[in-house]
PDB file of N, CA and C in Angstrom:
ATOM      1  N   MET A   1      34.404  -2.091  10.069  1.00  0.00           N
ATOM      2  CA  MET A   1      33.024  -1.635   9.984  1.00  0.00           C
ATOM      3  C   MET A   1      32.919  -0.464   9.018  1.00  0.00           C
ATOM      4  N   SER A   2      31.854  -0.425   8.278  1.00  0.00           N
ATOM      5  CA  SER A   2      31.611   0.627   7.309  1.00  0.00           C
ATOM      6  C   SER A   2      30.882   1.779   7.978  1.00  0.00           C
ATOM      7  N   ASP A   3      31.020   2.969   7.368  1.00  0.00           N
ATOM      8  CA  ASP A   3      30.288   4.132   7.866  1.00  0.00           C
ATOM      9  C   ASP A   3      28.856   4.169   7.348  1.00  0.00           C
ATOM     10  N   GLN A   4      28.523   3.250   6.444  1.00  0.00           N
ATOM     11  CA  GLN A   4      27.181   3.198   5.866  1.00  0.00           C
ATOM     12  C   GLN A   4      26.197   2.622   6.879  1.00  0.00           C
ATOM     13  N   PRO A   5      24.951   3.095   6.844  1.00  0.00           N
ATOM     14  CA  PRO A   5      23.937   2.496   7.718  1.00  0.00           C
ATOM     15  C   PRO A   5      23.771   1.017   7.385  1.00  0.00           C
ATOM     16  N   PRO A   6      23.545   0.172   8.403  1.00  0.00           N
ATOM     17  CA  PRO A   6      23.453  -1.269   8.157  1.00  0.00           C
ATOM     18  C   PRO A   6      22.287  -1.677   7.269  1.00  0.00           C
ATOM     19  N   THR A   7      21.247  -0.853   7.152  1.00  0.00           N
ATOM     20  CA  THR A   7      20.089  -1.231   6.334  1.00  0.00           C
ATOM     21  C   THR A   7      20.244  -0.835   4.870  1.00  0.00           C
ATOM     22  N   LYS A   8      21.228  -0.020   4.548  1.00  0.00           N
ATOM     23  CA  LYS A   8      21.409   0.422   3.169  1.00  0.00           C
ATOM     24  C   LYS A   8      22.104  -0.669   2.367  1.00  0.00           C
ATOM     25  N   LYS A   9      21.480  -1.039   1.258  1.00  0.00           N
ATOM     26  CA  LYS A   9      22.066  -2.057   0.377  1.00  0.00           C
ATOM     27  C   LYS A   9      22.956  -1.335  -0.622  1.00  0.00           C
ATOM     28  N   ASN A  10      24.256  -1.310  -0.349  1.00  0.00           N
ATOM     29  CA  ASN A  10      25.144  -0.553  -1.210  1.00  0.00           C
ATOM     30  C   ASN A  10      26.324  -1.379  -1.736  1.00  0.00           C
ATOM     31  N   VAL A  11      26.285  -2.674  -1.569  1.00  0.00           N
ATOM     32  CA  VAL A  11      27.337  -3.554  -2.075  1.00  0.00           C
ATOM     33  C   VAL A  11      26.713  -4.493  -3.094  1.00  0.00           C
ATOM     34  N   THR A  12      27.325  -4.580  -4.262  1.00  0.00           N
ATOM     35  CA  THR A  12      26.844  -5.467  -5.306  1.00  0.00           C
ATOM     36  C   THR A  12      27.757  -6.673  -5.399  1.00  0.00           C
ATOM     37  N   LEU A  13      27.167  -7.843  -5.382  1.00  0.00           N
ATOM     38  CA  LEU A  13      27.888  -9.090  -5.587  1.00  0.00           C
ATOM     39  C   LEU A  13      27.339  -9.721  -6.852  1.00  0.00           C
ATOM     40  N   SER A  14      28.129 -10.509  -7.526  1.00  0.00           N
ATOM     41  CA  SER A  14      27.620 -11.151  -8.733  1.00  0.00           C
ATOM     42  C   SER A  14      28.032 -12.612  -8.756  1.00  0.00           C
ATOM     43  N   THR A  15      27.305 -13.377  -9.550  1.00  0.00           N
ATOM     44  CA  THR A  15      27.595 -14.797  -9.735  1.00  0.00           C
ATOM     45  C   THR A  15      27.233 -15.160 -11.165  1.00  0.00           C
ATOM     46  N   LYS A  16      27.708 -16.295 -11.616  1.00  0.00           N
ATOM     47  CA  LYS A  16      27.375 -16.751 -12.965  1.00  0.00           C
ATOM     48  C   LYS A  16      26.618 -18.063 -12.878  1.00  0.00           C
ATOM     49  N   VAL A  17      25.606 -18.185 -13.718  1.00  0.00           N
ATOM     50  CA  VAL A  17      24.831 -19.418 -13.846  1.00  0.00           C
ATOM     51  C   VAL A  17      24.629 -19.673 -15.327  1.00  0.00           C
ATOM     52  N   ASP A  18      24.250 -20.901 -15.668  1.00  0.00           N
ATOM     53  CA  ASP A  18      23.977 -21.182 -17.081  1.00  0.00           C
ATOM     54  C   ASP A  18      22.569 -20.701 -17.427  1.00  0.00           C
ATOM     55  N   VAL A  19      22.218 -20.797 -18.685  1.00  0.00           N
ATOM     56  CA  VAL A  19      20.932 -20.287 -19.164  1.00  0.00           C
ATOM     57  C   VAL A  19      19.770 -20.957 -18.440  1.00  0.00           C
ATOM     58  N   ASP A  20      19.849 -22.276 -18.262  1.00  0.00           N
ATOM     59  CA  ASP A  20      18.760 -22.979 -17.577  1.00  0.00           C
ATOM     60  C   ASP A  20      18.659 -22.548 -16.120  1.00  0.00           C
ATOM     61  N   GLY A  21      19.803 -22.362 -15.471  1.00  0.00           N
ATOM     62  CA  GLY A  21      19.800 -21.909 -14.078  1.00  0.00           C
ATOM     63  C   GLY A  21      19.209 -20.526 -13.945  1.00  0.00           C
ATOM     64  N   ALA A  22      19.546 -19.637 -14.891  1.00  0.00           N
ATOM     65  CA  ALA A  22      18.994 -18.283 -14.866  1.00  0.00           C
ATOM     66  C   ALA A  22      17.488 -18.317 -15.045  1.00  0.00           C
ATOM     67  N   ALA A  23      17.026 -19.155 -15.969  1.00  0.00           N
ATOM     68  CA  ALA A  23      15.581 -19.267 -16.193  1.00  0.00           C
ATOM     69  C   ALA A  23      14.885 -19.797 -14.951  1.00  0.00           C
ATOM     70  N   ALA A  24      15.489 -20.788 -14.307  1.00  0.00           N
ATOM     71  CA  ALA A  24      14.899 -21.359 -13.093  1.00  0.00           C
ATOM     72  C   ALA A  24      14.845 -20.324 -11.970  1.00  0.00           C
ATOM     73  N   LEU A  25      15.913 -19.545 -11.811  1.00  0.00           N
ATOM     74  CA  LEU A  25      15.932 -18.516 -10.769  1.00  0.00           C
ATOM     75  C   LEU A  25      14.878 -17.439 -11.046  1.00  0.00           C
ATOM     76  N   ARG A  26      14.773 -17.023 -12.297  1.00  0.00           N
ATOM     77  CA  ARG A  26      13.757 -16.021 -12.641  1.00  0.00           C
ATOM     78  C   ARG A  26      12.349 -16.538 -12.353  1.00  0.00           C
ATOM     79  N   GLU A  27      12.101 -17.789 -12.704  1.00  0.00           N
ATOM     80  CA  GLU A  27      10.780 -18.367 -12.486  1.00  0.00           C
ATOM     81  C   GLU A  27      10.471 -18.489 -10.997  1.00  0.00           C
ATOM     82  N   ARG A  28      11.430 -18.963 -10.232  1.00  0.00           N
ATOM     83  CA  ARG A  28      11.201 -19.091  -8.782  1.00  0.00           C
ATOM     84  C   ARG A  28      10.987 -17.732  -8.134  1.00  0.00           C
ATOM     85  N   ALA A  29      11.737 -16.728  -8.575  1.00  0.00           N
ATOM     86  CA  ALA A  29      11.544 -15.374  -8.048  1.00  0.00           C
ATOM     87  C   ALA A  29      10.160 -14.859  -8.430  1.00  0.00           C
ATOM     88  N   ARG A  30       9.749 -15.098  -9.676  1.00  0.00           N
ATOM     89  CA  ARG A  30       8.423 -14.664 -10.128  1.00  0.00           C
ATOM     90  C   ARG A  30       7.336 -15.316  -9.294  1.00  0.00           C
ATOM     91  N   GLN A  31       7.466 -16.608  -9.041  1.00  0.00           N
ATOM     92  CA  GLN A  31       6.468 -17.323  -8.241  1.00  0.00           C
ATOM     93  C   GLN A  31       6.395 -16.782  -6.814  1.00  0.00           C
ATOM     94  N   ALA A  32       7.530 -16.343  -6.296  1.00  0.00           N
ATOM     95  CA  ALA A  32       7.553 -15.782  -4.940  1.00  0.00           C
ATOM     96  C   ALA A  32       7.108 -14.323  -4.927  1.00  0.00           C
ATOM     97  N   GLY A  33       6.971 -13.722  -6.117  1.00  0.00           N
ATOM     98  CA  GLY A  33       6.549 -12.325  -6.191  1.00  0.00           C
ATOM     99  C   GLY A  33       7.646 -11.347  -5.826  1.00  0.00           C
ATOM    100  N   VAL A  34       8.898 -11.731  -6.058  1.00  0.00           N
ATOM    101  CA  VAL A  34      10.033 -10.873  -5.719  1.00  0.00           C
ATOM    102  C   VAL A  34      10.966 -10.773  -6.920  1.00  0.00           C
ATOM    103  N   THR A  35      11.898  -9.847  -6.840  1.00  0.00           N
ATOM    104  CA  THR A  35      12.911  -9.739  -7.892  1.00  0.00           C
ATOM    105  C   THR A  35      13.923 -10.872  -7.720  1.00  0.00           C
ATOM    106  N   VAL A  36      14.686 -11.121  -8.776  1.00  0.00           N
ATOM    107  CA  VAL A  36      15.737 -12.142  -8.690  1.00  0.00           C
ATOM    108  C   VAL A  36      16.740 -11.743  -7.616  1.00  0.00           C
ATOM    109  N   SER A  37      17.079 -10.468  -7.550  1.00  0.00           N
ATOM    110  CA  SER A  37      18.021  -9.986  -6.542  1.00  0.00           C
ATOM    111  C   SER A  37      17.517 -10.284  -5.125  1.00  0.00           C
ATOM    112  N   THR A  38      16.266  -9.972  -4.864  1.00  0.00           N
ATOM    113  CA  THR A  38      15.681 -10.239  -3.544  1.00  0.00           C
ATOM    114  C   THR A  38      15.636 -11.737  -3.275  1.00  0.00           C
ATOM    115  N   PHE A  39      15.264 -12.503  -4.284  1.00  0.00           N
ATOM    116  CA  PHE A  39      15.198 -13.954  -4.139  1.00  0.00           C
ATOM    117  C   PHE A  39      16.568 -14.513  -3.729  1.00  0.00           C
ATOM    118  N   LEU A  40      17.605 -14.125  -4.465  1.00  0.00           N
ATOM    119  CA  LEU A  40      18.946 -14.630  -4.174  1.00  0.00           C
ATOM    120  C   LEU A  40      19.433 -14.176  -2.800  1.00  0.00           C
ATOM    121  N   ARG A  41      19.202 -12.911  -2.464  1.00  0.00           N
ATOM    122  CA  ARG A  41      19.641 -12.383  -1.173  1.00  0.00           C
ATOM    123  C   ARG A  41      18.964 -13.125  -0.018  1.00  0.00           C
ATOM    124  N   GLU A  42      17.646 -13.281  -0.092  1.00  0.00           N
ATOM    125  CA  GLU A  42      16.928 -13.961   0.994  1.00  0.00           C
ATOM    126  C   GLU A  42      17.339 -15.428   1.087  1.00  0.00           C
ATOM    127  N   ALA A  43      17.503 -16.081  -0.052  1.00  0.00           N
ATOM    128  CA  ALA A  43      17.899 -17.490  -0.044  1.00  0.00           C
ATOM    129  C   ALA A  43      19.281 -17.653   0.567  1.00  0.00           C
ATOM    130  N   ALA A  44      20.201 -16.781   0.204  1.00  0.00           N
ATOM    131  CA  ALA A  44      21.569 -16.904   0.694  1.00  0.00           C
ATOM    132  C   ALA A  44      21.704 -16.522   2.164  1.00  0.00           C
ATOM    133  N   LEU A  45      21.005 -15.491   2.588  1.00  0.00           N
ATOM    134  CA  LEU A  45      21.187 -14.986   3.950  1.00  0.00           C
ATOM    135  C   LEU A  45      20.311 -15.677   4.987  1.00  0.00           C
ATOM    136  N   THR A  46      19.133 -16.112   4.583  1.00  0.00           N
ATOM    137  CA  THR A  46      18.217 -16.700   5.570  1.00  0.00           C
ATOM    138  C   THR A  46      17.850 -18.141   5.264  1.00  0.00           C
ATOM    139  N   GLY A  47      18.089 -18.568   4.026  1.00  0.00           N
ATOM    140  CA  GLY A  47      17.691 -19.916   3.629  1.00  0.00           C
ATOM    141  C   GLY A  47      16.196 -20.027   3.375  1.00  0.00           C
ATOM    142  N   GLN A  48      15.481 -18.905   3.469  1.00  0.00           N
ATOM    143  CA  GLN A  48      14.035 -18.901   3.264  1.00  0.00           C
ATOM    144  C   GLN A  48      13.669 -17.738   2.359  1.00  0.00           C
ATOM    145  N   ILE A  49      12.665 -17.941   1.549  1.00  0.00           N
ATOM    146  CA  ILE A  49      12.144 -16.867   0.713  1.00  0.00           C
ATOM    147  C   ILE A  49      10.797 -16.457   1.288  1.00  0.00           C
ATOM    148  N   GLN A  50      10.689 -15.216   1.670  1.00  0.00           N
ATOM    149  CA  GLN A  50       9.415 -14.703   2.159  1.00  0.00           C
ATOM    150  C   GLN A  50       8.606 -14.257   0.948  1.00  0.00           C
ATOM    151  N   PRO A  51       7.522 -14.975   0.617  1.00  0.00           N
ATOM    152  CA  PRO A  51       6.727 -14.565  -0.545  1.00  0.00           C
ATOM    153  C   PRO A  51       6.175 -13.162  -0.334  1.00  0.00           C
ATOM    154  N   HIS A  52       6.229 -12.376  -1.355  1.00  0.00           N
ATOM    155  CA  HIS A  52       5.700 -11.018  -1.319  1.00  0.00           C
ATOM    156  C   HIS A  52       4.469 -10.992  -2.212  1.00  0.00           C
ATOM    157  N   THR A  53       3.324 -10.908  -1.593  1.00  0.00           N
ATOM    158  CA  THR A  53       2.074 -10.884  -2.335  1.00  0.00           C
ATOM    159  C   THR A  53       1.798  -9.460  -2.780  1.00  0.00           C
ATOM    160  N   PRO A  54       1.620  -9.251  -4.070  1.00  0.00           N
ATOM    161  CA  PRO A  54       1.326  -7.894  -4.518  1.00  0.00           C
ATOM    162  C   PRO A  54      -0.014  -7.415  -3.960  1.00  0.00           C
ATOM    163  N   ILE A  55      -0.084  -6.144  -3.700  1.00  0.00           N
ATOM    164  CA  ILE A  55      -1.318  -5.566  -3.176  1.00  0.00           C
ATOM    165  C   ILE A  55      -2.272  -5.362  -4.344  1.00  0.00           C
ATOM    166  N   PRO A  56      -3.485  -5.941  -4.271  1.00  0.00           N
ATOM    167  CA  PRO A  56      -4.443  -5.766  -5.361  1.00  0.00           C
ATOM    168  C   PRO A  56      -4.761  -4.292  -5.586  1.00  0.00           C
ATOM    169  N   GLN A  57      -5.023  -3.934  -6.829  1.00  0.00           N
ATOM    170  CA  GLN A  57      -5.286  -2.540  -7.186  1.00  0.00           C
ATOM    171  C   GLN A  57      -6.465  -1.969  -6.404  1.00  0.00           C
ATOM    172  N   ILE A  58      -7.515  -2.775  -6.190  1.00  0.00           N
ATOM    173  CA  ILE A  58      -8.672  -2.245  -5.450  1.00  0.00           C
ATOM    174  C   ILE A  58      -8.269  -1.852  -4.034  1.00  0.00           C
ATOM    175  N   ASN A  59      -7.368  -2.622  -3.422  1.00  0.00           N
ATOM    176  CA  ASN A  59      -6.911  -2.268  -2.074  1.00  0.00           C
ATOM    177  C   ASN A  59      -6.141  -0.949  -2.103  1.00  0.00           C
ATOM    178  N   GLN A  60      -5.305  -0.769  -3.121  1.00  0.00           N
ATOM    179  CA  GLN A  60      -4.558   0.486  -3.244  1.00  0.00           C
ATOM    180  C   GLN A  60      -5.504   1.662  -3.453  1.00  0.00           C
ATOM    181  N   ASP A  61      -6.519   1.455  -4.295  1.00  0.00           N
ATOM    182  CA  ASP A  61      -7.492   2.523  -4.557  1.00  0.00           C
ATOM    183  C   ASP A  61      -8.267   2.881  -3.293  1.00  0.00           C
ATOM    184  N   GLN A  62      -8.694   1.862  -2.561  1.00  0.00           N
ATOM    185  CA  GLN A  62      -9.484   2.120  -1.357  1.00  0.00           C
ATOM    186  C   GLN A  62      -8.629   2.753  -0.263  1.00  0.00           C
ATOM    187  N   TRP A  63      -7.349   2.390  -0.217  1.00  0.00           N
ATOM    188  CA  TRP A  63      -6.418   3.015   0.735  1.00  0.00           C
ATOM    189  C   TRP A  63      -6.374   4.520   0.462  1.00  0.00           C
ATOM    190  N   ALA A  64      -6.271   4.895  -0.808  1.00  0.00           N
ATOM    191  CA  ALA A  64      -6.221   6.314  -1.175  1.00  0.00           C
ATOM    192  C   ALA A  64      -7.534   7.007  -0.811  1.00  0.00           C
ATOM    193  N   ASP A  65      -8.667   6.354  -1.059  1.00  0.00           N
ATOM    194  CA  ASP A  65      -9.959   6.946  -0.701  1.00  0.00           C
ATOM    195  C   ASP A  65     -10.068   7.139   0.806  1.00  0.00           C
ATOM    196  N   LEU A  66      -9.629   6.153   1.562  1.00  0.00           N
ATOM    197  CA  LEU A  66      -9.692   6.269   3.019  1.00  0.00           C
ATOM    198  C   LEU A  66      -8.759   7.373   3.520  1.00  0.00           C
ATOM    199  N   ALA A  67      -7.636   7.574   2.850  1.00  0.00           N
ATOM    200  CA  ALA A  67      -6.725   8.659   3.220  1.00  0.00           C
ATOM    201  C   ALA A  67      -7.406  10.015   3.011  1.00  0.00           C
ATOM    202  N   ARG A  68      -8.158  10.146   1.916  1.00  0.00           N
ATOM    203  CA  ARG A  68      -8.886  11.399   1.675  1.00  0.00           C
ATOM    204  C   ARG A  68      -9.936  11.618   2.766  1.00  0.00           C
ATOM    205  N   ILE A  69     -10.633  10.558   3.137  1.00  0.00           N
ATOM    206  CA  ILE A  69     -11.639  10.671   4.202  1.00  0.00           C
ATOM    207  C   ILE A  69     -10.964  11.111   5.495  1.00  0.00           C
ATOM    208  N   GLY A  70      -9.851  10.479   5.810  1.00  0.00           N
ATOM    209  CA  GLY A  70      -9.117  10.847   7.025  1.00  0.00           C
ATOM    210  C   GLY A  70      -8.664  12.298   6.997  1.00  0.00           C
ATOM    211  N   GLY A  71      -8.210  12.741   5.829  1.00  0.00           N
ATOM    212  CA  GLY A  71      -7.792  14.141   5.693  1.00  0.00           C
ATOM    213  C   GLY A  71      -8.947  15.102   5.937  1.00  0.00           C
ATOM    214  N   ASN A  72     -10.105  14.770   5.384  1.00  0.00           N
ATOM    215  CA  ASN A  72     -11.285  15.614   5.604  1.00  0.00           C
ATOM    216  C   ASN A  72     -11.658  15.665   7.081  1.00  0.00           C
ATOM    217  N   LEU A  73     -11.653  14.528   7.723  1.00  0.00           N
ATOM    218  CA  LEU A  73     -12.013  14.491   9.149  1.00  0.00           C
ATOM    219  C   LEU A  73     -10.993  15.247   9.997  1.00  0.00           C
ATOM    220  N   ASN A  74      -9.708  15.150   9.619  1.00  0.00           N
ATOM    221  CA  ASN A  74      -8.679  15.898  10.350  1.00  0.00           C
ATOM    222  C   ASN A  74      -8.883  17.400  10.207  1.00  0.00           C
ATOM    223  N   GLN A  75      -9.297  17.842   9.018  1.00  0.00           N
ATOM    224  CA  GLN A  75      -9.557  19.268   8.830  1.00  0.00           C
ATOM    225  C   GLN A  75     -10.705  19.732   9.716  1.00  0.00           C
ATOM    226  N   VAL A  76     -11.744  18.928   9.792  1.00  0.00           N
ATOM    227  CA  VAL A  76     -12.885  19.277  10.647  1.00  0.00           C
ATOM    228  C   VAL A  76     -12.441  19.316  12.108  1.00  0.00           C
ATOM    229  N   ALA A  77     -11.723  18.300  12.556  1.00  0.00           N
ATOM    230  CA  ALA A  77     -11.279  18.248  13.950  1.00  0.00           C
ATOM    231  C   ALA A  77     -10.352  19.412  14.276  1.00  0.00           C
ATOM    232  N   THR A  78      -9.425  19.726  13.381  1.00  0.00           N
ATOM    233  CA  THR A  78      -8.508  20.849  13.610  1.00  0.00           C
ATOM    234  C   THR A  78      -9.276  22.150  13.729  1.00  0.00           C
ATOM    235  N   HIS A  79     -10.220  22.336  12.847  1.00  0.00           N
ATOM    236  CA  HIS A  79     -11.032  23.555  12.869  1.00  0.00           C
ATOM    237  C   HIS A  79     -11.772  23.688  14.207  1.00  0.00           C
ATOM    238  N   LEU A  80     -12.416  22.609  14.617  1.00  0.00           N
ATOM    239  CA  LEU A  80     -13.190  22.666  15.863  1.00  0.00           C
ATOM    240  C   LEU A  80     -12.283  22.765  17.089  1.00  0.00           C
ATOM    241  N   ASN A  81     -11.172  22.047  17.091  1.00  0.00           N
ATOM    242  CA  ASN A  81     -10.257  22.068  18.238  1.00  0.00           C
ATOM    243  C   ASN A  81      -9.547  23.410  18.390  1.00  0.00           C
ATOM    244  N   SER A  82      -9.438  24.170  17.315  1.00  0.00           N
ATOM    245  CA  SER A  82      -8.793  25.482  17.407  1.00  0.00           C
ATOM    246  C   SER A  82      -9.789  26.572  17.774  1.00  0.00           C
ATOM    247  N   GLY A  83     -10.985  26.162  18.129  1.00  0.00           N
ATOM    248  CA  GLY A  83     -11.995  27.133  18.550  1.00  0.00           C
ATOM    249  C   GLY A  83     -12.792  27.708  17.407  1.00  0.00           C
ATOM    250  N   GLY A  84     -12.632  27.146  16.231  1.00  0.00           N
ATOM    251  CA  GLY A  84     -13.377  27.631  15.071  1.00  0.00           C
ATOM    252  C   GLY A  84     -14.849  27.335  15.215  1.00  0.00           C
ATOM    253  N   PRO A  85     -15.659  28.196  14.641  1.00  0.00           N
ATOM    254  CA  PRO A  85     -17.107  27.976  14.746  1.00  0.00           C
ATOM    255  C   PRO A  85     -17.550  26.809  13.868  1.00  0.00           C
ATOM    256  N   ALA A  86     -18.641  26.199  14.263  1.00  0.00           N
ATOM    257  CA  ALA A  86     -19.223  25.117  13.470  1.00  0.00           C
ATOM    258  C   ALA A  86     -19.975  25.763  12.312  1.00  0.00           C
ATOM    259  N   ASP A  87     -19.222  26.186  11.300  1.00  0.00           N
ATOM    260  CA  ASP A  87     -19.824  26.906  10.183  1.00  0.00           C
ATOM    261  C   ASP A  87     -20.279  25.951   9.084  1.00  0.00           C
ATOM    262  N   ALA A  88     -20.653  26.496   7.954  1.00  0.00           N
ATOM    263  CA  ALA A  88     -21.221  25.714   6.848  1.00  0.00           C
ATOM    264  C   ALA A  88     -20.225  24.738   6.236  1.00  0.00           C
ATOM    265  N   LYS A  89     -18.929  24.934   6.453  1.00  0.00           N
ATOM    266  CA  LYS A  89     -17.933  24.028   5.869  1.00  0.00           C
ATOM    267  C   LYS A  89     -17.982  22.641   6.504  1.00  0.00           C
ATOM    268  N   ILE A  90     -18.357  22.557   7.731  1.00  0.00           N
ATOM    269  CA  ILE A  90     -18.335  21.276   8.438  1.00  0.00           C
ATOM    270  C   ILE A  90     -19.369  20.301   7.876  1.00  0.00           C
ATOM    271  N   PRO A  91     -20.632  20.691   7.722  1.00  0.00           N
ATOM    272  CA  PRO A  91     -21.579  19.741   7.119  1.00  0.00           C
ATOM    273  C   PRO A  91     -21.146  19.302   5.724  1.00  0.00           C
ATOM    274  N   THR A  92     -20.541  20.212   4.949  1.00  0.00           N
ATOM    275  CA  THR A  92     -20.072  19.859   3.611  1.00  0.00           C
ATOM    276  C   THR A  92     -18.967  18.814   3.697  1.00  0.00           C
ATOM    277  N   ALA A  93     -18.027  19.013   4.604  1.00  0.00           N
ATOM    278  CA  ALA A  93     -16.929  18.057   4.774  1.00  0.00           C
ATOM    279  C   ALA A  93     -17.458  16.699   5.231  1.00  0.00           C
ATOM    280  N   ILE A  94     -18.415  16.712   6.126  1.00  0.00           N
ATOM    281  CA  ILE A  94     -18.999  15.452   6.600  1.00  0.00           C
ATOM    282  C   ILE A  94     -19.744  14.756   5.464  1.00  0.00           C
ATOM    283  N   ASP A  95     -20.471  15.511   4.651  1.00  0.00           N
ATOM    284  CA  ASP A  95     -21.159  14.923   3.494  1.00  0.00           C
ATOM    285  C   ASP A  95     -20.159  14.312   2.515  1.00  0.00           C
ATOM    286  N   GLU A  96     -19.007  14.985   2.305  1.00  0.00           N
ATOM    287  CA  GLU A  96     -17.969  14.440   1.430  1.00  0.00           C
ATOM    288  C   GLU A  96     -17.422  13.125   1.991  1.00  0.00           C
ATOM    289  N   CYS A  97     -17.229  13.090   3.302  1.00  0.00           N
ATOM    290  CA  CYS A  97     -16.759  11.856   3.943  1.00  0.00           C
ATOM    291  C   CYS A  97     -17.759  10.731   3.757  1.00  0.00           C
ATOM    292  N   ARG A  98     -19.041  11.033   3.942  1.00  0.00           N
ATOM    293  CA  ARG A  98     -20.078  10.012   3.758  1.00  0.00           C
ATOM    294  C   ARG A  98     -20.090   9.490   2.322  1.00  0.00           C
ATOM    295  N   ALA A  99     -19.977  10.405   1.363  1.00  0.00           N
ATOM    296  CA  ALA A  99     -19.981   9.998  -0.047  1.00  0.00           C
ATOM    297  C   ALA A  99     -18.781   9.106  -0.348  1.00  0.00           C
ATOM    298  N   LEU A 100     -17.603   9.483   0.147  1.00  0.00           N
ATOM    299  CA  LEU A 100     -16.410   8.653  -0.073  1.00  0.00           C
ATOM    300  C   LEU A 100     -16.547   7.298   0.593  1.00  0.00           C
ATOM    301  N   LEU A 101     -17.095   7.275   1.799  1.00  0.00           N
ATOM    302  CA  LEU A 101     -17.306   5.995   2.479  1.00  0.00           C
ATOM    303  C   LEU A 101     -18.260   5.108   1.692  1.00  0.00           C
ATOM    304  N   SER A 102     -19.298   5.701   1.125  1.00  0.00           N
ATOM    305  CA  SER A 102     -20.230   4.922   0.300  1.00  0.00           C
ATOM    306  C   SER A 102     -19.510   4.340  -0.909  1.00  0.00           C
ATOM    307  N   THR A 103     -18.627   5.127  -1.513  1.00  0.00           N
ATOM    308  CA  THR A 103     -17.855   4.660  -2.656  1.00  0.00           C
ATOM    309  C   THR A 103     -16.939   3.506  -2.256  1.00  0.00           C
ATOM    310  N   VAL A 104     -16.279   3.645  -1.115  1.00  0.00           N
ATOM    311  CA  VAL A 104     -15.387   2.577  -0.627  1.00  0.00           C
ATOM    312  C   VAL A 104     -16.190   1.307  -0.358  1.00  0.00           C
ATOM    313  N   ARG A 105     -17.306   1.450   0.315  1.00  0.00           N
ATOM    314  CA  ARG A 105     -18.139   0.276   0.613  1.00  0.00           C
ATOM    315  C   ARG A 105     -18.588  -0.417  -0.670  1.00  0.00           C
ATOM    316  N   ALA A 106     -19.047   0.359  -1.644  1.00  0.00           N
ATOM    317  CA  ALA A 106     -19.505  -0.218  -2.908  1.00  0.00           C
ATOM    318  C   ALA A 106     -18.366  -0.938  -3.621  1.00  0.00           C
ATOM    319  N   ALA A 107     -17.200  -0.321  -3.650  1.00  0.00           N
ATOM    320  CA  ALA A 107     -16.044  -0.946  -4.313  1.00  0.00           C
ATOM    321  C   ALA A 107     -15.667  -2.248  -3.630  1.00  0.00           C
ATOM    322  N   LEU A 108     -15.728  -2.273  -2.315  1.00  0.00           N
ATOM    323  CA  LEU A 108     -15.386  -3.499  -1.587  1.00  0.00           C
ATOM    324  C   LEU A 108     -16.393  -4.616  -1.852  1.00  0.00           C
ATOM    325  N   LEU A 109     -17.617  -4.239  -2.199  1.00  0.00           N
ATOM    326  CA  LEU A 109     -18.640  -5.224  -2.540  1.00  0.00           C
ATOM    327  C   LEU A 109     -18.641  -5.552  -4.026  1.00  0.00           C
ATOM    328  N   GLY A 110     -17.791  -4.869  -4.792  1.00  0.00           N
ATOM    329  CA  GLY A 110     -17.730  -5.102  -6.229  1.00  0.00           C
ATOM    330  C   GLY A 110     -18.822  -4.394  -7.004  1.00  0.00           C
ATOM    331  N   LEU A 111     -19.418  -3.384  -6.409  1.00  0.00           N
ATOM    332  CA  LEU A 111     -20.488  -2.637  -7.065  1.00  0.00           C
ATOM    333  C   LEU A 111     -19.922  -1.430  -7.797  1.00  0.00           C
ATOM    334  N   ASP A 112     -20.542  -1.069  -8.901  1.00  0.00           N
ATOM    335  CA  ASP A 112     -20.087   0.086  -9.671  1.00  0.00           C
ATOM    336  C   ASP A 112     -20.634   1.403  -9.127  1.00  0.00           C
ATOM    337  N   VAL A 113     -21.840   1.364  -8.583  1.00  0.00           N
ATOM    338  CA  VAL A 113     -22.498   2.584  -8.127  1.00  0.00           C
ATOM    339  C   VAL A 113     -22.569   2.560  -6.607  1.00  0.00           C
ATOM    340  N   PRO A 114     -22.117   3.628  -5.948  1.00  0.00           N
ATOM    341  CA  PRO A 114     -22.228   3.655  -4.489  1.00  0.00           C
ATOM    342  C   PRO A 114     -23.683   3.646  -4.050  1.00  0.00           C
ATOM    343  N   HIS A 115     -23.929   2.941  -2.967  1.00  0.00           N
ATOM    344  CA  HIS A 115     -25.266   2.901  -2.380  1.00  0.00           C
ATOM    345  C   HIS A 115     -25.211   3.553  -1.026  1.00  0.00           C
ATOM    346  N   ASP A 116     -26.011   4.602  -0.852  1.00  0.00           N
ATOM    347  CA  ASP A 116     -26.060   5.260   0.440  1.00  0.00           C
ATOM    348  C   ASP A 116     -26.983   4.451   1.341  1.00  0.00           C
ATOM    349  N   ARG A 117     -26.414   4.022   2.433  1.00  0.00           N
ATOM    350  CA  ARG A 117     -27.194   3.281   3.426  1.00  0.00           C
ATOM    351  C   ARG A 117     -26.966   3.926   4.778  1.00  0.00           C
ATOM    352  N   PRO A 118     -27.966   3.964   5.595  1.00  0.00           N
ATOM    353  CA  PRO A 118     -27.743   4.495   6.951  1.00  0.00           C
ATOM    354  C   PRO A 118     -26.835   3.542   7.711  1.00  0.00           C
ATOM    355  N   ASN A 119     -26.025   4.127   8.602  1.00  0.00           N
ATOM    356  CA  ASN A 119     -25.094   3.303   9.409  1.00  0.00           C
ATOM    357  C   ASN A 119     -25.804   2.478  10.419  1.00  0.00           C
TER     358      ASN A 119
END
């Protein structure tokens, strides 16, 4: 047994294929959305390739926007939970959250300009 953690990929194995085989492996890996290394490892160890669908850019962008909204709400909650007064910063933070939510909603609908709508 090795002292390395079982999840760490730290052993390199190699094999040789002809040019056509290499092209076929690259194409199959591309179709599965994985690297050739991942393709070969999954095929050899499990006999199955789990397709990896790339995350669309809009989803990544909206994830980041939602993280900012969550951060703003956490700041408000922390402030209030620590006994802080409901001062002028809270309405501003809530307005920022609303604006970001409008932006997220518009992006999810494919709109360029956020539309403020009542909930």
